[in-house]
Amino acid sequence: MIGLRVGSSLTTAVAKALSPRPALIRFTPNERYVDVANIKSQIKRNKTNEKAHERNKAVKSGLKTEVRRTREAIAAGDKAAAEKALATASKKLDKAVSKGVIHENQAANRKSAIAKQVAAL
């Protein structure tokens, strides 16, 4: 596999045009990396991995949002809103576990921590 470090001015389309094979573009804060695989199965795995990466990122982002909403309701002292937000956050955490995005124990620890805070209201 060839790893090319690409400057930030290079677009995805240009990066893909550099090689006749599909390229995997990974963005980091300062640079982009283009991994051009030589093996057909690895090219397919790169596509699959990129899709999974995007899906997992979306699930984790939704998780963080729901947990944040619960913590905001707790900070505001609104018990009814906090309980409702806790139920939604718990559902999202369980869904993330079932999709394999986070570990079961991590979800249990997060649910326990925010449930204690809601109960203390």
Protein backbone atom coordinates (compact mmCIF):
# COMPACT_ATOMS: atom_id res chain seq x y z
CA MET A 1 0.00 0.00 0.00
CA ILE A 2 1.31 3.41 -0.92
CA GLY A 3 0.68 6.23 1.54
CA LEU A 4 0.74 9.69 0.01
CA ARG A 5 0.75 12.78 2.17
CA VAL A 6 -1.36 15.37 0.42
CA GLY A 7 -1.45 19.09 1.15
CA SER A 8 -4.68 20.67 2.31
CA SER A 9 -5.20 22.39 -1.06
CA LEU A 10 -5.65 19.07 -2.86
CA THR A 11 -9.27 18.05 -3.23
CA THR A 12 -10.68 14.54 -3.05
CA ALA A 13 -11.39 14.50 -6.78
CA VAL A 14 -7.82 15.46 -7.62
CA ALA A 15 -6.45 12.90 -5.16
CA LYS A 16 -8.55 10.16 -6.74
CA ALA A 17 -7.41 11.27 -10.19
CA LEU A 18 -3.78 10.65 -9.19
CA SER A 19 -4.35 6.92 -9.37
CA PRO A 20 -6.48 4.70 -11.60
CA ARG A 21 -7.49 2.82 -8.44
CA PRO A 22 -10.04 4.14 -5.92
CA ALA A 23 -8.32 5.98 -3.10
CA LEU A 24 -9.16 6.17 0.56
CA ILE A 25 -8.99 9.75 1.75
CA ARG A 26 -8.55 10.23 5.50
CA PHE A 27 -8.64 13.76 6.88
CA THR A 28 -6.57 14.77 9.88
CA PRO A 29 -6.57 18.26 11.40
CA ASN A 30 -3.50 19.38 9.44
CA GLU A 31 -3.15 17.06 6.46
CA ARG A 32 -4.92 14.50 4.33
CA TYR A 33 -3.68 10.99 3.71
CA VAL A 34 -4.39 9.03 0.56
CA ASP A 35 -3.93 5.28 0.79
CA VAL A 36 -3.86 3.65 -2.61
CA ALA A 37 -4.17 -0.11 -2.29
CA ASN A 38 -2.79 -2.47 -4.92
CA ILE A 39 -4.90 -5.50 -4.02
CA LYS A 40 -8.53 -5.67 -5.13
CA SER A 41 -9.80 -7.05 -1.83
CA GLN A 42 -8.00 -4.30 0.08
CA ILE A 43 -9.57 -1.64 -2.14
CA LYS A 44 -12.97 -3.09 -1.22
CA ARG A 45 -12.04 -3.25 2.48
CA ASN A 46 -10.99 0.41 2.35
CA LYS A 47 -14.44 1.36 1.04
CA THR A 48 -16.15 -0.78 3.69
CA ASN A 49 -13.95 0.61 6.45
CA GLU A 50 -14.64 4.18 5.38
CA LYS A 51 -18.42 3.55 5.43
CA ALA A 52 -18.17 1.97 8.88
CA HIS A 53 -16.02 4.86 10.09
CA GLU A 54 -18.63 7.41 8.96
CA ARG A 55 -21.50 5.39 10.45
CA ASN A 56 -19.71 4.94 13.79
CA LYS A 57 -18.83 8.63 13.87
CA ALA A 58 -22.50 9.54 13.36
CA VAL A 59 -23.65 7.16 16.11
CA LYS A 60 -21.03 8.50 18.56
CA SER A 61 -21.98 12.09 17.74
CA GLY A 62 -25.64 11.34 18.45
CA LEU A 63 -24.64 9.68 21.72
CA LYS A 64 -22.65 12.70 22.86
CA THR A 65 -25.56 14.99 22.00
CA GLU A 66 -28.07 13.00 24.05
CA VAL A 67 -25.74 12.69 27.06
CA ARG A 68 -25.03 16.44 26.85
CA ARG A 69 -28.78 17.21 26.78
CA THR A 70 -29.23 15.08 29.89
CA ARG A 71 -26.40 16.86 31.69
CA GLU A 72 -27.82 20.26 30.68
CA ALA A 73 -31.24 19.30 32.09
CA ILE A 74 -29.54 18.17 35.31
CA ALA A 75 -27.61 21.44 35.52
CA ALA A 76 -30.84 23.38 35.02
CA GLY A 77 -32.44 21.40 37.86
CA ASP A 78 -35.38 20.27 35.70
CA LYS A 79 -36.12 16.74 36.97
CA ALA A 80 -38.86 15.94 34.44
CA ALA A 81 -36.73 17.00 31.48
CA ALA A 82 -33.71 15.20 32.93
CA GLU A 83 -35.65 11.93 33.29
CA LYS A 84 -36.94 12.20 29.73
CA ALA A 85 -33.45 12.97 28.42
CA LEU A 86 -32.03 10.09 30.47
CA ALA A 87 -34.45 7.66 28.83
CA THR A 88 -33.44 8.88 25.37
CA ALA A 89 -29.72 8.75 26.23
CA SER A 90 -30.07 5.22 27.62
CA LYS A 91 -31.81 4.12 24.44
CA LYS A 92 -29.03 5.63 22.28
CA LEU A 93 -26.34 4.01 24.44
CA ASP A 94 -28.00 0.59 24.14
CA LYS A 95 -28.35 1.05 20.38
CA ALA A 96 -24.64 1.91 20.09
CA VAL A 97 -23.77 -1.27 22.02
CA SER A 98 -25.95 -3.39 19.72
CA LYS A 99 -24.20 -1.90 16.67
CA GLY A 100 -20.78 -2.58 18.22
CA VAL A 101 -19.78 1.09 18.33
CA ILE A 102 -19.06 1.13 22.08
CA HIS A 103 -18.47 -1.61 24.63
CA GLU A 104 -21.32 -2.82 26.84
CA ASN A 105 -19.45 -1.87 30.02
CA GLN A 106 -18.81 1.66 28.80
CA ALA A 107 -22.53 2.12 28.13
CA ALA A 108 -23.38 0.72 31.57
CA ASN A 109 -20.92 3.10 33.25
CA ARG A 110 -22.25 6.12 31.38
CA LYS A 111 -25.89 5.23 32.12
CA SER A 112 -25.10 4.64 35.78
CA ALA A 113 -23.28 7.97 36.15
CA ILE A 114 -26.03 10.09 34.62
CA ALA A 115 -28.79 8.09 36.36
CA LYS A 116 -27.16 8.86 39.73
CA GLN A 117 -27.13 12.56 38.88
CA VAL A 118 -30.80 12.49 37.85
CA ALA A 119 -31.76 10.61 41.02
CA ALA A 120 -29.96 13.21 43.13
CA LEU A 121 -32.21 16.01 41.80
